[in-house]
């Protein structure tokens, strides 16, 4: 509908909507418009022909949508200097991605491929200072950030890659400063092509 508005300056008719989507009955097109109106994407007036107004995204409170910041990159490999770099925001449904206070990081490297995290994937991170054995975390080692599987062995923190070609990082108490930034709660993949956010 946005494309139709941009090209012609007015809303499509029911028949034009049917033709575009290959819908046979205008009744079915009306059902789709009703659903869009219920969700807050459009407004219609029954008294005027072609009176469809695109409202935009539904209100966050009604849909559970929340804006998640894209906070740069994290190394899925050797740790690298952590620099916060907000690149924008992505709107996610908090019912599907339960992480209103979370942030996204783009994974770089191949150390977590066994956990389904590939180079270029986006990781949804829930900020937390503690982690349990087996959690996938974003950890800060001194001022360098990495994503690994966390475990505690005696007085040592072990950050294990999910790639058999790479060795775990074993940090004994007092050797280096280790801080958990958060837990990875979801991975967002781009299946076709690469998109830069």
Protein backbone atom coordinates (compact mmCIF):
# COMPACT_ATOMS: atom_id res chain seq x y z
CA UNK A 1 0.00 0.00 0.00
CA UNK A 2 2.92 2.34 0.73
CA UNK A 3 4.26 1.76 -2.79
CA UNK A 4 0.82 2.37 -4.33
CA UNK A 5 0.46 5.62 -2.32
CA UNK A 6 3.95 6.76 -3.37
CA UNK A 7 3.32 6.07 -7.06
CA UNK A 8 -0.26 7.32 -7.39
CA UNK A 9 -0.96 9.57 -4.43
CA UNK A 10 -4.11 7.73 -3.31
CA UNK A 11 -5.08 4.40 -1.75
CA UNK A 12 -5.68 1.24 -3.80
CA UNK A 13 -9.21 -0.07 -4.33
CA UNK A 14 -10.23 -3.55 -3.15
CA UNK A 15 -9.94 -4.85 -6.72
CA UNK A 16 -6.44 -3.39 -7.07
CA UNK A 17 -5.41 -5.02 -3.78
CA UNK A 18 -6.83 -8.35 -5.01
CA UNK A 19 -4.97 -8.05 -8.32
CA UNK A 20 -1.66 -7.23 -6.61
CA UNK A 21 -1.81 -10.17 -4.17
CA UNK A 22 -3.59 -12.62 -6.44
CA UNK A 23 -6.65 -12.75 -4.17
CA UNK A 24 -9.78 -13.89 -5.99
CA UNK A 25 -12.47 -12.37 -3.77
CA UNK A 26 -12.71 -8.74 -2.58
CA UNK A 27 -14.21 -10.23 0.59
CA UNK A 28 -10.84 -11.82 1.41
CA UNK A 29 -9.03 -8.52 0.77
CA UNK A 30 -11.47 -6.84 3.17
CA UNK A 31 -10.59 -9.41 5.87
CA UNK A 32 -6.91 -8.51 5.49
CA UNK A 33 -7.69 -4.79 5.71
CA UNK A 34 -9.82 -5.43 8.80
CA UNK A 35 -6.87 -7.22 10.43
CA UNK A 36 -4.48 -4.36 9.56
CA UNK A 37 -6.94 -1.87 11.03
CA UNK A 38 -7.36 -3.90 14.25
CA UNK A 39 -3.57 -3.99 14.66
CA UNK A 40 -3.32 -0.23 14.21
CA UNK A 41 -1.45 -0.14 10.89
CA UNK A 42 -4.21 1.59 8.91
CA UNK A 43 -7.35 3.70 9.42
CA UNK A 44 -10.37 3.55 7.11
CA UNK A 45 -13.53 5.55 6.57
CA UNK A 46 -16.58 3.65 5.38
CA UNK A 47 -18.14 6.85 4.00
CA UNK A 48 -15.36 7.65 1.51
CA UNK A 49 -14.07 5.50 -1.36
CA UNK A 50 -10.36 4.56 -1.15
CA UNK A 51 -10.17 6.14 2.31
CA UNK A 52 -7.25 4.18 3.72
CA UNK A 53 -4.67 5.98 5.83
CA UNK A 54 -1.38 4.28 6.74
CA UNK A 55 -0.82 4.96 10.41
CA UNK A 56 2.54 3.26 10.81
CA UNK A 57 3.58 0.70 13.36
CA UNK A 58 1.10 -0.05 16.12
CA UNK A 59 1.66 1.47 19.51
CA UNK A 60 4.30 -0.35 21.52
CA UNK A 61 1.99 -0.81 24.49
CA UNK A 62 -0.63 -2.54 22.36
CA UNK A 63 1.72 -4.87 20.54
CA UNK A 64 4.60 -5.49 22.92
CA UNK A 65 7.00 -3.94 20.40
CA UNK A 66 10.19 -2.42 21.72
CA UNK A 67 13.17 -0.67 20.16
CA UNK A 68 16.41 -2.58 20.73
CA UNK A 69 19.70 -0.72 20.19
CA UNK A 70 22.33 -2.21 17.86
CA UNK A 71 25.36 -1.66 20.07
CA UNK A 72 28.21 -2.54 17.74
CA UNK A 73 30.07 -5.82 17.35
CA UNK A 74 31.44 -8.59 19.55
CA UNK A 75 34.21 -10.97 18.66
CA UNK A 76 33.26 -14.64 18.35
CA UNK A 77 36.96 -15.41 18.35
CA UNK A 78 39.86 -13.73 20.13
CA UNK A 79 38.68 -10.90 22.40
CA UNK A 80 38.99 -7.39 20.99
CA UNK A 81 38.76 -3.88 22.35
CA UNK A 82 35.18 -3.15 23.41
CA UNK A 83 33.91 0.15 22.06
CA UNK A 84 30.22 0.96 22.38
CA UNK A 85 28.96 2.05 19.00
CA UNK A 86 25.17 2.46 18.76
CA UNK A 87 24.41 1.96 15.07
CA UNK A 88 20.65 2.32 15.26
CA UNK A 89 17.63 0.47 16.63
CA UNK A 90 15.54 -2.52 15.58
CA UNK A 91 11.92 -2.98 16.65
CA UNK A 92 11.26 -6.45 18.04
CA UNK A 93 8.14 -8.00 19.54
CA UNK A 94 8.89 -8.45 23.25
CA UNK A 95 6.43 -11.37 23.42
CA UNK A 96 8.68 -13.25 20.98
CA UNK A 97 12.01 -11.75 22.12
CA UNK A 98 11.54 -11.25 25.88
CA UNK A 99 14.25 -8.67 26.34
CA UNK A 100 13.01 -5.10 26.71
CA UNK A 101 16.30 -3.96 28.27
CA UNK A 102 18.45 -5.91 25.83
CA UNK A 103 20.72 -4.88 23.01
CA UNK A 104 21.98 -6.38 19.75
CA UNK A 105 25.59 -7.11 18.88
CA UNK A 106 26.89 -8.30 15.53
CA UNK A 107 29.04 -11.43 15.85
CA UNK A 108 32.43 -11.41 14.16
CA UNK A 109 34.47 -14.58 13.82
CA UNK A 110 33.99 -18.35 13.81
CA UNK A 111 34.50 -19.45 17.42
CA UNK A 112 30.80 -20.08 18.18
CA UNK A 113 29.66 -21.89 15.02
CA UNK A 114 28.89 -25.06 17.02
CA UNK A 115 26.30 -23.07 18.99
CA UNK A 116 24.66 -21.79 15.80
CA UNK A 117 26.37 -18.39 15.91
CA UNK A 118 28.00 -17.53 12.59
CA UNK A 119 30.03 -14.53 11.48
CA UNK A 120 27.56 -11.71 10.73
CA UNK A 121 24.71 -12.98 12.96
CA UNK A 122 23.06 -10.57 15.38
CA UNK A 123 22.98 -11.59 19.04
CA UNK A 124 20.23 -10.40 21.35
CA UNK A 125 21.89 -9.89 24.72
CA UNK A 126 20.07 -9.54 28.05
CA UNK A 127 22.23 -7.46 30.43
CA UNK A 128 23.25 -9.56 33.44
CA UNK A 129 26.29 -9.59 35.70
CA UNK A 130 26.07 -13.27 36.65
CA UNK A 131 26.01 -16.42 34.55
CA UNK A 132 25.51 -20.12 35.16
CA UNK A 133 27.55 -22.98 33.78
CA UNK A 134 26.67 -23.48 30.12
CA UNK A 135 25.29 -19.99 29.47
CA UNK A 136 26.47 -18.23 26.33
CA UNK A 137 27.70 -14.84 27.49
CA UNK A 138 29.27 -11.64 26.33
CA UNK A 139 32.27 -11.23 28.63
CA UNK A 140 34.65 -8.35 29.13
CA UNK A 141 38.27 -9.36 29.75
CA UNK A 142 40.02 -6.21 30.97
CA UNK A 143 38.69 -3.93 28.17
CA UNK A 144 38.23 -6.61 25.50
CA UNK A 145 34.88 -8.21 24.65
CA UNK A 146 34.16 -11.75 23.47
CA UNK A 147 31.21 -14.14 23.21
CA UNK A 148 31.77 -17.64 24.63
CA UNK A 149 30.15 -20.40 26.69
CA UNK A 150 30.67 -19.69 30.40
CA UNK A 151 31.62 -22.10 33.16
CA UNK A 152 33.26 -21.86 36.57
CA UNK A 153 35.85 -24.42 37.70
CA UNK A 154 37.07 -23.82 41.23
CA UNK A 155 38.65 -20.37 41.27
CA UNK A 156 38.81 -20.16 37.46
CA UNK A 157 36.39 -18.80 34.89
CA UNK A 158 36.43 -20.79 31.65
CA UNK A 159 35.19 -19.18 28.44
CA UNK A 160 34.81 -21.98 25.91
CA UNK A 161 34.44 -21.52 22.15
CA UNK A 162 32.03 -23.77 20.25
CA UNK A 163 34.60 -24.61 17.61
CA UNK A 164 36.89 -27.63 18.10
CA UNK A 165 39.75 -25.80 16.35
CA UNK A 166 39.92 -23.22 19.15
CA UNK A 167 41.08 -23.44 22.76
CA UNK A 168 39.11 -22.29 25.81
CA UNK A 169 40.19 -19.20 27.73
CA UNK A 170 40.95 -20.14 31.34
CA UNK A 171 41.17 -17.12 33.63
CA UNK A 172 42.25 -17.81 37.18
CA UNK A 173 41.31 -15.45 39.98
CA UNK A 174 43.60 -12.42 40.00
CA UNK A 175 45.07 -13.02 36.52
CA UNK A 176 42.73 -10.78 34.53
CA UNK A 177 39.58 -8.85 35.30
CA UNK A 178 36.52 -10.70 33.97
CA UNK A 179 33.05 -9.16 33.86
CA UNK A 180 29.87 -10.65 32.43
CA UNK A 181 28.07 -8.06 30.30
CA UNK A 182 25.04 -10.22 29.54
CA UNK A 183 23.60 -13.50 28.33
CA UNK A 184 22.87 -14.23 24.69
CA UNK A 185 19.14 -15.04 24.55
CA UNK A 186 18.54 -15.13 20.78
CA UNK A 187 20.39 -15.24 17.48
CA UNK A 188 19.03 -13.38 14.45
CA UNK A 189 20.30 -14.66 11.11
CA UNK A 190 20.21 -13.20 7.62
CA UNK A 191 19.52 -16.19 5.36
CA UNK A 192 19.87 -14.47 1.99
CA UNK A 193 22.62 -11.98 1.37
CA UNK A 194 24.11 -9.80 4.09
CA UNK A 195 22.45 -6.79 5.56
CA UNK A 196 24.39 -4.08 7.36
CA UNK A 197 22.51 -2.44 10.23
